Amino acid sequence: MERQQEEVWAVVQELNKLWTVDAAPERLVDYFAPEMVAISPTERFRVEGQAACVASWTGFVRAARTSRWVERNPWIQLVAQGQAAVVAYDFEIDYEMGGRRVEMSGRDLMTLVRRDGRWWLVADHFSPMPS
């Protein structure tokens, strides 16, 4: 990976660590852009805006206890003269929710933009890995 791709990947890993390892989803406001949108397999409608996205991640963290999170196979494409990035990667997560243990693998597709010298997540679309 080139330096700027490594920088983007580090941001993705930092923000994922906040909700998976640190259980501090409220700090995602430092990573989610005001206009962020998220599409997930558990929400019928897209989640629009920073506050709604932080609330969605917070709801998961409060309901689940994550025991394992692994990111694999990152693909990072810089676009718009290096001011935006598209990131795709696979993940594995194990968590307990409602007394039930869940082991899941999936994939994530994120779009980030560079503003004021830092990267902001503007879109996230994740889903379970198809069989």
C-alpha atoms as a PDB file:
ATOM      1  CA  MET A   1       0.000   0.000   0.000  1.00  0.00           C
ATOM      2  CA  GLU A   2       1.070   3.552  -0.622  1.00  0.00           C
ATOM      3  CA  ARG A   3       1.402   6.007   2.272  1.00  0.00           C
ATOM      4  CA  GLN A   4      -1.984   7.668   1.741  1.00  0.00           C
ATOM      5  CA  GLN A   5      -3.724   4.297   1.427  1.00  0.00           C
ATOM      6  CA  GLU A   6      -2.070   3.225   4.681  1.00  0.00           C
ATOM      7  CA  GLU A   7      -3.339   6.424   6.303  1.00  0.00           C
ATOM      8  CA  VAL A   8      -6.912   5.711   5.173  1.00  0.00           C
ATOM      9  CA  TRP A   9      -6.697   2.097   6.348  1.00  0.00           C
ATOM     10  CA  ALA A  10      -5.432   3.245   9.754  1.00  0.00           C
ATOM     11  CA  VAL A  11      -8.469   5.546  10.100  1.00  0.00           C
ATOM     12  CA  VAL A  12     -10.836   2.681   9.258  1.00  0.00           C
ATOM     13  CA  GLN A  13      -9.130   0.463  11.825  1.00  0.00           C
ATOM     14  CA  GLU A  14      -9.234   3.224  14.475  1.00  0.00           C
ATOM     15  CA  LEU A  15     -12.952   3.850  14.044  1.00  0.00           C
ATOM     16  CA  ASN A  16     -13.725   0.116  14.073  1.00  0.00           C
ATOM     17  CA  LYS A  17     -11.720  -0.299  17.267  1.00  0.00           C
ATOM     18  CA  LEU A  18     -13.884   2.311  18.981  1.00  0.00           C
ATOM     19  CA  TRP A  19     -17.051   0.239  18.702  1.00  0.00           C
ATOM     20  CA  THR A  20     -15.610  -3.300  18.722  1.00  0.00           C
ATOM     21  CA  VAL A  21     -12.799  -3.230  21.313  1.00  0.00           C
ATOM     22  CA  ASP A  22     -13.118   0.033  23.252  1.00  0.00           C
ATOM     23  CA  ALA A  23     -16.953   0.030  23.476  1.00  0.00           C
ATOM     24  CA  ALA A  24     -16.815   3.817  22.965  1.00  0.00           C
ATOM     25  CA  PRO A  25     -19.190   4.454  20.042  1.00  0.00           C
ATOM     26  CA  GLU A  26     -19.847   8.035  21.177  1.00  0.00           C
ATOM     27  CA  ARG A  27     -16.326   8.865  19.964  1.00  0.00           C
ATOM     28  CA  LEU A  28     -17.373   8.007  16.399  1.00  0.00           C
ATOM     29  CA  VAL A  29     -18.442  11.655  16.048  1.00  0.00           C
ATOM     30  CA  ASP A  30     -14.733  12.262  15.423  1.00  0.00           C
ATOM     31  CA  TYR A  31     -14.876   9.967  12.365  1.00  0.00           C
ATOM     32  CA  PHE A  32     -18.433  10.142  10.979  1.00  0.00           C
ATOM     33  CA  ALA A  33     -19.069  13.116   8.686  1.00  0.00           C
ATOM     34  CA  PRO A  34     -22.198  15.201   9.339  1.00  0.00           C
ATOM     35  CA  GLU A  35     -23.744  13.872   6.104  1.00  0.00           C
ATOM     36  CA  MET A  36     -22.848  10.219   6.713  1.00  0.00           C
ATOM     37  CA  VAL A  37     -25.177   7.512   5.436  1.00  0.00           C
ATOM     38  CA  ALA A  38     -25.139   3.826   6.355  1.00  0.00           C
ATOM     39  CA  ILE A  39     -26.852   0.798   4.892  1.00  0.00           C
ATOM     40  CA  SER A  40     -26.905  -2.382   6.932  1.00  0.00           C
ATOM     41  CA  PRO A  41     -28.620  -5.759   6.779  1.00  0.00           C
ATOM     42  CA  THR A  42     -30.454  -5.063  10.050  1.00  0.00           C
ATOM     43  CA  GLU A  43     -32.067  -1.734   9.114  1.00  0.00           C
ATOM     44  CA  ARG A  44     -34.946  -1.537   6.646  1.00  0.00           C
ATOM     45  CA  PHE A  45     -34.112   2.061   5.737  1.00  0.00           C
ATOM     46  CA  ARG A  46     -30.768   3.760   5.337  1.00  0.00           C
ATOM     47  CA  VAL A  47     -29.432   5.585   8.380  1.00  0.00           C
ATOM     48  CA  GLU A  48     -28.854   9.237   7.517  1.00  0.00           C
ATOM     49  CA  GLY A  49     -26.684  11.768   9.304  1.00  0.00           C
ATOM     50  CA  GLN A  50     -23.909  11.665  11.854  1.00  0.00           C
ATOM     51  CA  ALA A  51     -26.182  11.611  14.923  1.00  0.00           C
ATOM     52  CA  ALA A  52     -28.353   8.792  13.574  1.00  0.00           C
ATOM     53  CA  CYS A  53     -25.304   6.725  12.573  1.00  0.00           C
ATOM     54  CA  VAL A  54     -23.631   7.192  15.969  1.00  0.00           C
ATOM     55  CA  ALA A  55     -26.938   6.210  17.619  1.00  0.00           C
ATOM     56  CA  SER A  56     -27.138   3.083  15.466  1.00  0.00           C
ATOM     57  CA  TRP A  57     -23.603   1.962  16.363  1.00  0.00           C
ATOM     58  CA  THR A  58     -24.260   2.846  20.016  1.00  0.00           C
ATOM     59  CA  GLY A  59     -27.373   0.678  20.000  1.00  0.00           C
ATOM     60  CA  PHE A  60     -25.338  -2.288  18.825  1.00  0.00           C
ATOM     61  CA  VAL A  61     -22.582  -1.723  21.402  1.00  0.00           C
ATOM     62  CA  ARG A  62     -25.126  -1.464  24.229  1.00  0.00           C
ATOM     63  CA  ALA A  63     -26.940  -4.628  23.111  1.00  0.00           C
ATOM     64  CA  ALA A  64     -23.914  -6.787  22.293  1.00  0.00           C
ATOM     65  CA  ARG A  65     -20.620  -7.747  23.851  1.00  0.00           C
ATOM     66  CA  THR A  66     -17.998  -8.170  21.118  1.00  0.00           C
ATOM     67  CA  SER A  67     -15.358 -10.800  21.851  1.00  0.00           C
ATOM     68  CA  ARG A  68     -13.539 -10.844  18.503  1.00  0.00           C
ATOM     69  CA  TRP A  69     -13.106  -8.493  15.548  1.00  0.00           C
ATOM     70  CA  VAL A  70     -10.813  -9.159  12.590  1.00  0.00           C
ATOM     71  CA  GLU A  71     -10.387  -7.083   9.408  1.00  0.00           C
ATOM     72  CA  ARG A  72      -8.957  -8.801   6.335  1.00  0.00           C
ATOM     73  CA  ASN A  73      -8.119  -8.230   2.728  1.00  0.00           C
ATOM     74  CA  PRO A  74      -8.299  -4.425   2.528  1.00  0.00           C
ATOM     75  CA  TRP A  75      -8.690  -2.778  -0.871  1.00  0.00           C
ATOM     76  CA  ILE A  76      -8.270   1.000  -0.924  1.00  0.00           C
ATOM     77  CA  GLN A  77      -8.823   3.131  -3.995  1.00  0.00           C
ATOM     78  CA  LEU A  78      -8.015   6.837  -3.857  1.00  0.00           C
ATOM     79  CA  VAL A  79     -10.185   9.032  -6.094  1.00  0.00           C
ATOM     80  CA  ALA A  80     -10.877  12.739  -6.675  1.00  0.00           C
ATOM     81  CA  GLN A  81      -7.178  13.655  -6.757  1.00  0.00           C
ATOM     82  CA  GLY A  82      -6.624  11.876  -3.423  1.00  0.00           C
ATOM     83  CA  GLN A  83      -9.427  13.741  -1.623  1.00  0.00           C
ATOM     84  CA  ALA A  84     -11.698  10.691  -1.386  1.00  0.00           C
ATOM     85  CA  ALA A  85     -11.179   6.990  -0.812  1.00  0.00           C
ATOM     86  CA  VAL A  86     -13.226   3.866  -1.337  1.00  0.00           C
ATOM     87  CA  VAL A  87     -12.366   1.057   1.065  1.00  0.00           C
ATOM     88  CA  ALA A  88     -13.522  -2.547   0.845  1.00  0.00           C
ATOM     89  CA  TYR A  89     -12.551  -5.268   3.280  1.00  0.00           C
ATOM     90  CA  ASP A  90     -13.780  -8.507   4.808  1.00  0.00           C
ATOM     91  CA  PHE A  91     -14.408  -8.898   8.516  1.00  0.00           C
ATOM     92  CA  GLU A  92     -15.150 -11.484  11.162  1.00  0.00           C
ATOM     93  CA  ILE A  93     -16.966 -10.656  14.357  1.00  0.00           C
ATOM     94  CA  ASP A  94     -17.999 -12.745  17.344  1.00  0.00           C
ATOM     95  CA  TYR A  95     -20.390 -11.253  19.865  1.00  0.00           C
ATOM     96  CA  GLU A  96     -23.006 -12.144  22.416  1.00  0.00           C
ATOM     97  CA  MET A  97     -26.433 -10.558  22.218  1.00  0.00           C
ATOM     98  CA  GLY A  98     -29.502 -11.452  24.245  1.00  0.00           C
ATOM     99  CA  GLY A  99     -27.778 -14.517  25.664  1.00  0.00           C
ATOM    100  CA  ARG A 100     -26.951 -15.810  22.184  1.00  0.00           C
ATOM    101  CA  ARG A 101     -23.452 -16.115  20.752  1.00  0.00           C
ATOM    102  CA  VAL A 102     -23.079 -14.962  17.141  1.00  0.00           C
ATOM    103  CA  GLU A 103     -20.111 -15.703  14.872  1.00  0.00           C
ATOM    104  CA  MET A 104     -20.359 -13.793  11.630  1.00  0.00           C
ATOM    105  CA  SER A 105     -18.201 -13.019   8.651  1.00  0.00           C
ATOM    106  CA  GLY A 106     -19.040 -10.172   6.346  1.00  0.00           C
ATOM    107  CA  ARG A 107     -17.834  -7.450   4.058  1.00  0.00           C
ATOM    108  CA  ASP A 108     -17.762  -3.702   4.343  1.00  0.00           C
ATOM    109  CA  LEU A 109     -17.637  -0.928   1.752  1.00  0.00           C
ATOM    110  CA  MET A 110     -16.798   2.563   2.989  1.00  0.00           C
ATOM    111  CA  THR A 111     -16.349   5.938   1.356  1.00  0.00           C
ATOM    112  CA  LEU A 112     -14.198   8.545   3.068  1.00  0.00           C
ATOM    113  CA  VAL A 113     -13.426  12.153   2.194  1.00  0.00           C
ATOM    114  CA  ARG A 114     -10.464  14.261   3.204  1.00  0.00           C
ATOM    115  CA  ARG A 115     -11.399  17.587   4.820  1.00  0.00           C
ATOM    116  CA  ASP A 116      -9.276  19.954   6.874  1.00  0.00           C
ATOM    117  CA  GLY A 117      -6.342  17.547   6.763  1.00  0.00           C
ATOM    118  CA  ARG A 118      -8.182  14.451   8.009  1.00  0.00           C
ATOM    119  CA  TRP A 119     -10.383  11.631   6.779  1.00  0.00           C
ATOM    120  CA  TRP A 120     -14.144  11.462   7.442  1.00  0.00           C
ATOM    121  CA  LEU A 121     -16.430   8.509   6.801  1.00  0.00           C
ATOM    122  CA  VAL A 122     -19.341   9.607   4.578  1.00  0.00           C
ATOM    123  CA  ALA A 123     -20.845   6.237   3.603  1.00  0.00           C
ATOM    124  CA  ASP A 124     -20.817   2.694   4.953  1.00  0.00           C
ATOM    125  CA  HIS A 125     -22.490  -0.380   3.513  1.00  0.00           C
ATOM    126  CA  PHE A 126     -21.908  -3.707   5.196  1.00  0.00           C
ATOM    127  CA  SER A 127     -23.428  -7.136   4.892  1.00  0.00           C
ATOM    128  CA  PRO A 128     -22.908 -10.751   5.909  1.00  0.00           C
ATOM    129  CA  MET A 129     -20.655 -12.778   3.662  1.00  0.00           C
ATOM    130  CA  PRO A 130     -22.752 -14.706   1.153  1.00  0.00           C
ATOM    131  CA  SER A 131     -22.505 -18.485   1.365  1.00  0.00           C
END
